[in-house]
N, C-alpha and C. Protein backbone atom coordinates (compact mmCIF):
# COMPACT_ATOMS: atom_id res chain seq x y z
N MET A 1 133.51 48.06 124.60
CA MET A 1 133.64 49.26 125.41
C MET A 1 133.96 50.44 124.51
N SER A 2 133.30 51.55 124.68
CA SER A 2 133.47 52.73 123.87
C SER A 2 134.80 53.43 124.15
N ARG A 3 135.29 54.17 123.14
CA ARG A 3 136.52 54.95 123.32
C ARG A 3 136.32 56.03 124.36
N TYR A 4 135.14 56.62 124.39
CA TYR A 4 134.82 57.70 125.31
C TYR A 4 133.57 57.35 126.09
N ARG A 5 133.48 57.85 127.29
CA ARG A 5 132.23 57.78 128.04
C ARG A 5 131.47 59.05 127.69
N VAL A 6 130.24 58.88 127.24
CA VAL A 6 129.48 59.99 126.70
C VAL A 6 128.13 60.07 127.36
N LEU A 7 127.70 61.30 127.59
CA LEU A 7 126.36 61.55 128.10
C LEU A 7 125.67 62.52 127.14
N GLY A 8 124.45 62.21 126.73
CA GLY A 8 123.71 63.10 125.85
C GLY A 8 123.12 62.38 124.66
N SER A 9 122.35 63.12 123.87
CA SER A 9 121.61 62.51 122.77
C SER A 9 122.49 62.06 121.61
N ASP A 10 123.70 62.63 121.48
CA ASP A 10 124.58 62.24 120.39
C ASP A 10 125.48 61.06 120.76
N ALA A 11 125.17 60.38 121.84
CA ALA A 11 126.01 59.30 122.32
C ALA A 11 125.76 57.98 121.59
N ASP A 12 124.81 57.96 120.68
CA ASP A 12 124.44 56.72 120.02
C ASP A 12 125.59 56.09 119.25
N CYS A 13 125.68 54.79 119.37
CA CYS A 13 126.64 54.02 118.58
C CYS A 13 125.88 53.26 117.50
N GLU A 14 126.61 52.83 116.50
CA GLU A 14 126.00 52.09 115.40
C GLU A 14 125.54 50.73 115.92
N PRO A 15 124.27 50.36 115.68
CA PRO A 15 123.80 49.04 116.09
C PRO A 15 124.67 47.95 115.49
N GLY A 16 125.04 46.98 116.30
CA GLY A 16 125.88 45.88 115.85
C GLY A 16 127.36 46.14 116.00
N SER A 17 127.73 47.31 116.55
CA SER A 17 129.16 47.63 116.70
C SER A 17 129.66 47.38 118.13
N ASN A 18 128.80 46.85 118.99
CA ASN A 18 129.16 46.63 120.40
C ASN A 18 129.62 47.91 121.08
N GLY A 19 129.06 49.04 120.67
CA GLY A 19 129.41 50.32 121.27
C GLY A 19 130.78 50.84 120.86
N LEU A 20 131.35 50.28 119.78
CA LEU A 20 132.70 50.67 119.38
C LEU A 20 132.75 51.65 118.21
N VAL A 21 131.63 51.82 117.51
CA VAL A 21 131.59 52.72 116.36
C VAL A 21 130.41 53.66 116.53
N LEU A 22 130.67 54.95 116.40
CA LEU A 22 129.60 55.93 116.50
C LEU A 22 128.61 55.76 115.36
N LYS A 23 127.34 56.09 115.64
CA LYS A 23 126.30 56.05 114.62
C LYS A 23 126.79 56.87 113.43
N ASN A 24 126.68 56.26 112.24
CA ASN A 24 127.24 56.92 111.06
C ASN A 24 126.34 56.74 109.85
N LYS A 25 126.59 57.54 108.84
CA LYS A 25 125.77 57.57 107.64
C LYS A 25 125.92 56.33 106.76
N ARG A 26 126.98 55.58 106.96
CA ARG A 26 127.25 54.43 106.10
C ARG A 26 126.93 53.09 106.76
N GLY A 27 126.53 53.12 108.03
CA GLY A 27 126.20 51.88 108.72
C GLY A 27 127.42 51.02 109.03
N ILE A 28 128.59 51.61 109.10
CA ILE A 28 129.81 50.87 109.40
C ILE A 28 129.79 50.43 110.85
N VAL A 29 130.10 49.15 111.09
CA VAL A 29 130.10 48.62 112.45
C VAL A 29 131.50 48.15 112.90
N ASP A 30 132.42 48.01 111.98
CA ASP A 30 133.76 47.54 112.30
C ASP A 30 134.67 48.72 112.65
N PRO A 31 135.22 48.74 113.87
CA PRO A 31 136.06 49.87 114.28
C PRO A 31 137.27 50.09 113.37
N GLN A 32 137.89 49.02 112.91
CA GLN A 32 139.07 49.18 112.05
C GLN A 32 138.69 49.76 110.69
N GLU A 33 137.57 49.31 110.16
CA GLU A 33 137.10 49.86 108.88
C GLU A 33 136.84 51.36 109.02
N MET A 34 136.21 51.75 110.14
CA MET A 34 135.93 53.17 110.35
C MET A 34 137.22 53.95 110.53
N ALA A 35 138.15 53.42 111.30
CA ALA A 35 139.43 54.11 111.52
C ALA A 35 140.18 54.29 110.20
N ASP A 36 140.19 53.25 109.38
CA ASP A 36 140.87 53.33 108.08
C ASP A 36 140.21 54.38 107.18
N LEU A 37 138.89 54.40 107.15
CA LEU A 37 138.18 55.36 106.31
C LEU A 37 138.40 56.79 106.81
N GLU A 38 138.33 56.98 108.12
CA GLU A 38 138.60 58.31 108.68
C GLU A 38 140.00 58.78 108.30
N GLN A 39 140.99 57.88 108.38
CA GLN A 39 142.37 58.22 108.04
C GLN A 39 142.50 58.58 106.56
N GLU A 40 141.85 57.82 105.71
CA GLU A 40 141.89 58.10 104.27
C GLU A 40 141.28 59.46 103.97
N LEU A 41 140.14 59.75 104.57
CA LEU A 41 139.48 61.03 104.35
C LEU A 41 140.30 62.19 104.90
N LEU A 42 140.99 61.97 106.02
CA LEU A 42 141.84 63.00 106.60
C LEU A 42 143.01 63.31 105.66
N PHE A 43 143.60 62.29 105.09
CA PHE A 43 144.69 62.48 104.15
C PHE A 43 144.21 63.30 102.94
N GLU A 44 143.01 63.00 102.44
CA GLU A 44 142.46 63.76 101.32
C GLU A 44 142.28 65.23 101.69
N LEU A 45 141.78 65.49 102.90
CA LEU A 45 141.61 66.87 103.35
C LEU A 45 142.96 67.57 103.47
N TYR A 46 143.96 66.89 104.03
CA TYR A 46 145.30 67.48 104.14
C TYR A 46 145.82 67.89 102.76
N LYS A 47 145.62 67.03 101.77
CA LYS A 47 146.08 67.35 100.42
C LYS A 47 145.38 68.60 99.90
N GLU A 48 144.07 68.71 100.11
CA GLU A 48 143.32 69.88 99.67
C GLU A 48 143.83 71.14 100.34
N ILE A 49 144.09 71.05 101.63
CA ILE A 49 144.55 72.22 102.38
C ILE A 49 145.94 72.64 101.90
N VAL A 50 146.83 71.67 101.76
CA VAL A 50 148.20 71.98 101.35
C VAL A 50 148.24 72.52 99.92
N GLU A 51 147.41 71.99 99.04
CA GLU A 51 147.40 72.43 97.64
C GLU A 51 146.55 73.69 97.43
N GLY A 52 145.79 74.08 98.44
CA GLY A 52 144.93 75.25 98.34
C GLY A 52 145.69 76.53 98.69
N PRO A 53 144.95 77.61 98.95
CA PRO A 53 145.58 78.87 99.33
C PRO A 53 146.47 78.67 100.56
N LEU A 54 147.60 79.30 100.54
CA LEU A 54 148.56 79.12 101.64
C LEU A 54 147.98 79.58 102.97
N ILE A 55 147.93 78.67 103.94
CA ILE A 55 147.43 79.03 105.25
C ILE A 55 148.55 79.51 106.16
N LYS A 56 149.80 79.26 105.77
CA LYS A 56 150.90 79.64 106.65
C LYS A 56 151.15 81.14 106.68
N SER A 57 150.54 81.88 105.76
CA SER A 57 150.79 83.31 105.70
C SER A 57 149.63 84.15 106.25
N ARG A 58 148.65 83.50 106.86
CA ARG A 58 147.51 84.25 107.40
C ARG A 58 147.02 83.62 108.70
N ARG A 59 146.21 84.36 109.40
CA ARG A 59 145.67 83.90 110.67
C ARG A 59 144.58 82.85 110.44
N LEU A 60 144.62 81.80 111.23
CA LEU A 60 143.57 80.79 111.20
C LEU A 60 142.41 81.24 112.08
N HIS A 61 141.21 80.81 111.72
CA HIS A 61 140.02 81.11 112.50
C HIS A 61 139.32 79.81 112.86
N ILE A 62 138.71 79.79 114.02
CA ILE A 62 138.01 78.59 114.49
C ILE A 62 136.93 78.17 113.50
N ALA A 63 136.32 79.11 112.81
CA ALA A 63 135.30 78.77 111.81
C ALA A 63 135.92 77.96 110.67
N GLU A 64 137.16 78.25 110.33
CA GLU A 64 137.84 77.50 109.29
C GLU A 64 138.14 76.07 109.74
N ILE A 65 138.57 75.91 110.97
CA ILE A 65 138.82 74.58 111.53
C ILE A 65 137.52 73.78 111.57
N THR A 66 136.44 74.44 111.92
CA THR A 66 135.13 73.80 111.95
C THR A 66 134.73 73.34 110.54
N GLU A 67 134.99 74.16 109.55
CA GLU A 67 134.69 73.79 108.16
C GLU A 67 135.55 72.62 107.72
N TRP A 68 136.82 72.60 108.11
CA TRP A 68 137.68 71.46 107.78
C TRP A 68 137.11 70.17 108.39
N HIS A 69 136.62 70.27 109.63
CA HIS A 69 136.04 69.10 110.30
C HIS A 69 134.83 68.61 109.52
N ARG A 70 133.99 69.54 109.07
CA ARG A 70 132.80 69.16 108.29
C ARG A 70 133.21 68.50 106.98
N ARG A 71 134.20 69.07 106.31
CA ARG A 71 134.66 68.50 105.04
C ARG A 71 135.28 67.13 105.25
N TRP A 72 135.98 66.94 106.33
CA TRP A 72 136.64 65.67 106.62
C TRP A 72 135.63 64.57 106.93
N LEU A 73 134.73 64.81 107.88
CA LEU A 73 133.87 63.75 108.39
C LEU A 73 132.39 63.88 107.99
N GLY A 74 132.09 64.87 107.19
CA GLY A 74 130.69 65.12 106.83
C GLY A 74 130.00 64.00 106.08
N ASN A 75 130.76 63.18 105.36
CA ASN A 75 130.16 62.05 104.65
C ASN A 75 129.99 60.83 105.54
N LEU A 76 130.48 60.92 106.78
CA LEU A 76 130.39 59.80 107.71
C LEU A 76 129.43 60.05 108.87
N TYR A 77 129.48 61.26 109.42
CA TYR A 77 128.74 61.54 110.65
C TYR A 77 127.80 62.73 110.47
N PHE A 78 126.64 62.62 111.07
CA PHE A 78 125.63 63.67 111.00
C PHE A 78 126.08 64.94 111.73
N TRP A 79 126.92 64.80 112.74
CA TRP A 79 127.34 65.92 113.58
C TRP A 79 128.66 66.55 113.14
N ALA A 80 129.23 66.11 112.04
CA ALA A 80 130.53 66.63 111.59
C ALA A 80 130.45 68.14 111.37
N GLY A 81 131.46 68.85 111.84
CA GLY A 81 131.51 70.29 111.69
C GLY A 81 130.57 71.05 112.60
N LYS A 82 130.01 70.35 113.57
CA LYS A 82 129.11 70.99 114.53
C LYS A 82 129.70 70.84 115.93
N GLU A 83 129.52 71.86 116.73
CA GLU A 83 129.98 71.80 118.11
C GLU A 83 129.29 70.64 118.82
N ARG A 84 130.05 69.91 119.60
CA ARG A 84 129.46 68.76 120.27
C ARG A 84 128.42 69.20 121.30
N THR A 85 127.45 68.34 121.50
CA THR A 85 126.37 68.62 122.44
C THR A 85 126.40 67.65 123.61
N VAL A 86 127.43 66.82 123.67
CA VAL A 86 127.56 65.83 124.73
C VAL A 86 128.80 66.14 125.56
N ASN A 87 128.77 65.69 126.79
CA ASN A 87 129.95 65.77 127.65
C ASN A 87 130.74 64.49 127.47
N LEU A 88 132.06 64.62 127.41
CA LEU A 88 132.93 63.47 127.16
C LEU A 88 133.96 63.29 128.26
N THR A 89 134.24 62.03 128.56
CA THR A 89 135.37 61.69 129.40
C THR A 89 136.12 60.56 128.72
N LYS A 90 137.42 60.51 128.97
CA LYS A 90 138.24 59.44 128.43
C LYS A 90 139.28 59.09 129.48
N GLY A 91 139.28 57.82 129.89
CA GLY A 91 140.23 57.38 130.91
C GLY A 91 140.12 58.16 132.20
N GLY A 92 138.92 58.57 132.55
CA GLY A 92 138.71 59.32 133.78
C GLY A 92 138.95 60.81 133.65
N PHE A 93 139.39 61.27 132.48
CA PHE A 93 139.62 62.69 132.25
C PHE A 93 138.40 63.30 131.58
N ALA A 94 137.86 64.36 132.15
CA ALA A 94 136.69 65.04 131.58
C ALA A 94 137.14 66.20 130.71
N PHE A 95 136.71 66.19 129.46
CA PHE A 95 136.95 67.32 128.59
C PHE A 95 135.99 68.44 128.97
N ALA A 96 136.18 69.61 128.41
CA ALA A 96 135.33 70.75 128.73
C ALA A 96 133.86 70.38 128.56
N SER A 97 133.03 70.86 129.46
CA SER A 97 131.59 70.61 129.37
C SER A 97 131.03 71.27 128.11
N ALA A 98 130.09 70.59 127.49
CA ALA A 98 129.51 71.07 126.23
C ALA A 98 128.91 72.47 126.37
N HIS A 99 128.33 72.79 127.52
CA HIS A 99 127.65 74.08 127.65
C HIS A 99 128.61 75.27 127.67
N VAL A 100 129.91 75.06 127.90
CA VAL A 100 130.86 76.17 127.92
C VAL A 100 131.65 76.29 126.61
N LEU A 101 131.37 75.43 125.64
CA LEU A 101 132.13 75.45 124.39
C LEU A 101 132.07 76.78 123.63
N PRO A 102 130.92 77.45 123.54
CA PRO A 102 130.92 78.73 122.82
C PRO A 102 131.92 79.74 123.41
N GLU A 103 131.96 79.83 124.70
CA GLU A 103 132.91 80.73 125.37
C GLU A 103 134.35 80.27 125.15
N LEU A 104 134.59 78.97 125.24
CA LEU A 104 135.94 78.45 125.05
C LEU A 104 136.43 78.63 123.62
N ARG A 105 135.54 78.51 122.66
CA ARG A 105 135.93 78.72 121.26
C ARG A 105 136.38 80.17 121.05
N GLU A 106 135.66 81.12 121.63
CA GLU A 106 136.07 82.53 121.53
C GLU A 106 137.43 82.75 122.18
N SER A 107 137.61 82.16 123.34
CA SER A 107 138.89 82.28 124.05
C SER A 107 140.02 81.63 123.25
N PHE A 108 139.75 80.46 122.67
CA PHE A 108 140.75 79.77 121.87
C PHE A 108 141.16 80.64 120.67
N GLN A 109 140.19 81.27 120.05
CA GLN A 109 140.51 82.15 118.92
C GLN A 109 141.43 83.28 119.37
N ALA A 110 141.05 83.95 120.46
CA ALA A 110 141.81 85.11 120.92
C ALA A 110 143.17 84.75 121.51
N GLN A 111 143.22 83.70 122.31
CA GLN A 111 144.44 83.40 123.04
C GLN A 111 145.38 82.44 122.32
N GLN A 112 144.88 81.69 121.36
CA GLN A 112 145.72 80.74 120.65
C GLN A 112 145.88 81.12 119.18
N LEU A 113 144.79 81.10 118.44
CA LEU A 113 144.89 81.32 117.00
C LEU A 113 145.33 82.74 116.65
N ASP A 114 144.76 83.74 117.34
CA ASP A 114 145.16 85.12 117.05
C ASP A 114 146.62 85.37 117.46
N ARG A 115 147.07 84.66 118.45
CA ARG A 115 148.43 84.84 118.96
C ARG A 115 149.47 84.06 118.15
N PHE A 116 149.15 82.84 117.75
CA PHE A 116 150.15 81.96 117.15
C PHE A 116 150.00 81.74 115.65
N THR A 117 148.99 82.35 115.01
CA THR A 117 148.90 82.25 113.56
C THR A 117 148.81 83.65 112.97
N PRO A 118 149.46 83.88 111.84
CA PRO A 118 150.32 82.91 111.16
C PRO A 118 151.54 82.58 112.03
N CYS A 119 152.01 81.38 111.89
CA CYS A 119 153.14 80.91 112.70
C CYS A 119 154.44 81.29 111.99
N LYS A 120 155.18 82.19 112.62
CA LYS A 120 156.45 82.65 112.04
C LYS A 120 157.54 82.59 113.11
N PRO A 121 157.88 81.38 113.52
CA PRO A 121 158.88 81.26 114.58
C PRO A 121 160.27 81.66 114.10
N THR A 122 161.08 82.13 115.05
CA THR A 122 162.47 82.47 114.71
C THR A 122 163.42 81.34 115.07
N ASN A 123 162.89 80.33 115.80
CA ASN A 123 163.72 79.17 116.13
C ASN A 123 162.81 77.98 116.43
N VAL A 124 163.42 76.82 116.59
CA VAL A 124 162.66 75.58 116.81
C VAL A 124 161.87 75.63 118.11
N GLU A 125 162.43 76.22 119.13
CA GLU A 125 161.74 76.30 120.42
C GLU A 125 160.43 77.08 120.30
N GLU A 126 160.46 78.20 119.55
CA GLU A 126 159.24 78.98 119.35
C GLU A 126 158.19 78.17 118.57
N LEU A 127 158.65 77.41 117.59
CA LEU A 127 157.73 76.58 116.82
C LEU A 127 157.09 75.51 117.71
N ILE A 128 157.90 74.85 118.50
CA ILE A 128 157.39 73.81 119.41
C ILE A 128 156.40 74.41 120.40
N HIS A 129 156.73 75.58 120.95
CA HIS A 129 155.82 76.24 121.90
C HIS A 129 154.48 76.58 121.23
N ALA A 130 154.54 77.16 120.03
CA ALA A 130 153.31 77.55 119.33
C ALA A 130 152.45 76.33 119.01
N LEU A 131 153.06 75.31 118.41
CA LEU A 131 152.30 74.11 118.06
C LEU A 131 151.73 73.42 119.29
N GLY A 132 152.56 73.29 120.31
CA GLY A 132 152.12 72.63 121.54
C GLY A 132 150.99 73.37 122.22
N SER A 133 151.12 74.68 122.30
CA SER A 133 150.10 75.49 122.96
C SER A 133 148.76 75.39 122.26
N VAL A 134 148.76 75.55 120.94
CA VAL A 134 147.51 75.47 120.18
C VAL A 134 146.91 74.08 120.28
N HIS A 135 147.74 73.06 120.13
CA HIS A 135 147.23 71.68 120.14
C HIS A 135 146.64 71.32 121.51
N VAL A 136 147.37 71.61 122.57
CA VAL A 136 146.89 71.25 123.91
C VAL A 136 145.58 71.95 124.23
N GLU A 137 145.49 73.24 123.96
CA GLU A 137 144.26 73.97 124.27
C GLU A 137 143.09 73.47 123.44
N PHE A 138 143.35 73.10 122.19
CA PHE A 138 142.29 72.57 121.34
C PHE A 138 141.79 71.23 121.87
N ILE A 139 142.72 70.36 122.25
CA ILE A 139 142.34 69.05 122.77
C ILE A 139 141.57 69.17 124.08
N LEU A 140 142.00 70.06 124.95
CA LEU A 140 141.29 70.25 126.22
C LEU A 140 139.88 70.77 125.98
N MET A 141 139.74 71.67 125.02
CA MET A 141 138.41 72.17 124.68
C MET A 141 137.59 71.06 124.03
N HIS A 142 138.21 70.30 123.13
CA HIS A 142 137.57 69.17 122.45
C HIS A 142 136.21 69.57 121.88
N PRO A 143 136.20 70.50 120.92
CA PRO A 143 134.92 71.06 120.47
C PRO A 143 134.02 70.13 119.66
N PHE A 144 134.61 69.07 119.09
CA PHE A 144 133.82 68.17 118.25
C PHE A 144 133.59 66.84 118.95
N ARG A 145 132.57 66.14 118.54
CA ARG A 145 132.23 64.85 119.12
C ARG A 145 133.39 63.87 118.98
N GLU A 146 134.08 63.91 117.86
CA GLU A 146 135.22 63.06 117.58
C GLU A 146 136.06 63.77 116.53
N GLY A 147 137.31 63.39 116.40
CA GLY A 147 138.17 63.99 115.39
C GLY A 147 138.80 65.30 115.81
N ASN A 148 139.20 65.41 117.04
CA ASN A 148 139.81 66.63 117.54
C ASN A 148 141.33 66.60 117.50
N GLY A 149 141.92 65.42 117.47
CA GLY A 149 143.39 65.31 117.57
C GLY A 149 144.10 65.80 116.36
């Protein structure tokens, strides 16, 4: 059984994975192997970001997040760093429809990233509110096929 219920042309899973692994550039069929590799690549990206130019002192842009997604998963998936073209549901919850993503990305930039980055909270409550707000809105939008969390 797949992690997500998907409709559209990008819904293909890797043959031999029993619908558990998305079609990928390496032909990986084992869900744990894919999860481990995704985690390893994410850690590498985090190191690059932390060791690179300081992001805490400037505003983040959705284009930058999209580039991070491409850098993270681009060696695994053909759709990495691209807006998803499929509609997704998980556990009966429907994420934003693919056709409204361009509008939602603009709104996310204006209402979340422009408002909460750079993040300069004066107390823990402000930090929790900023992080929670950005994270929840991003997850609800769910702009990528996978790797939004």
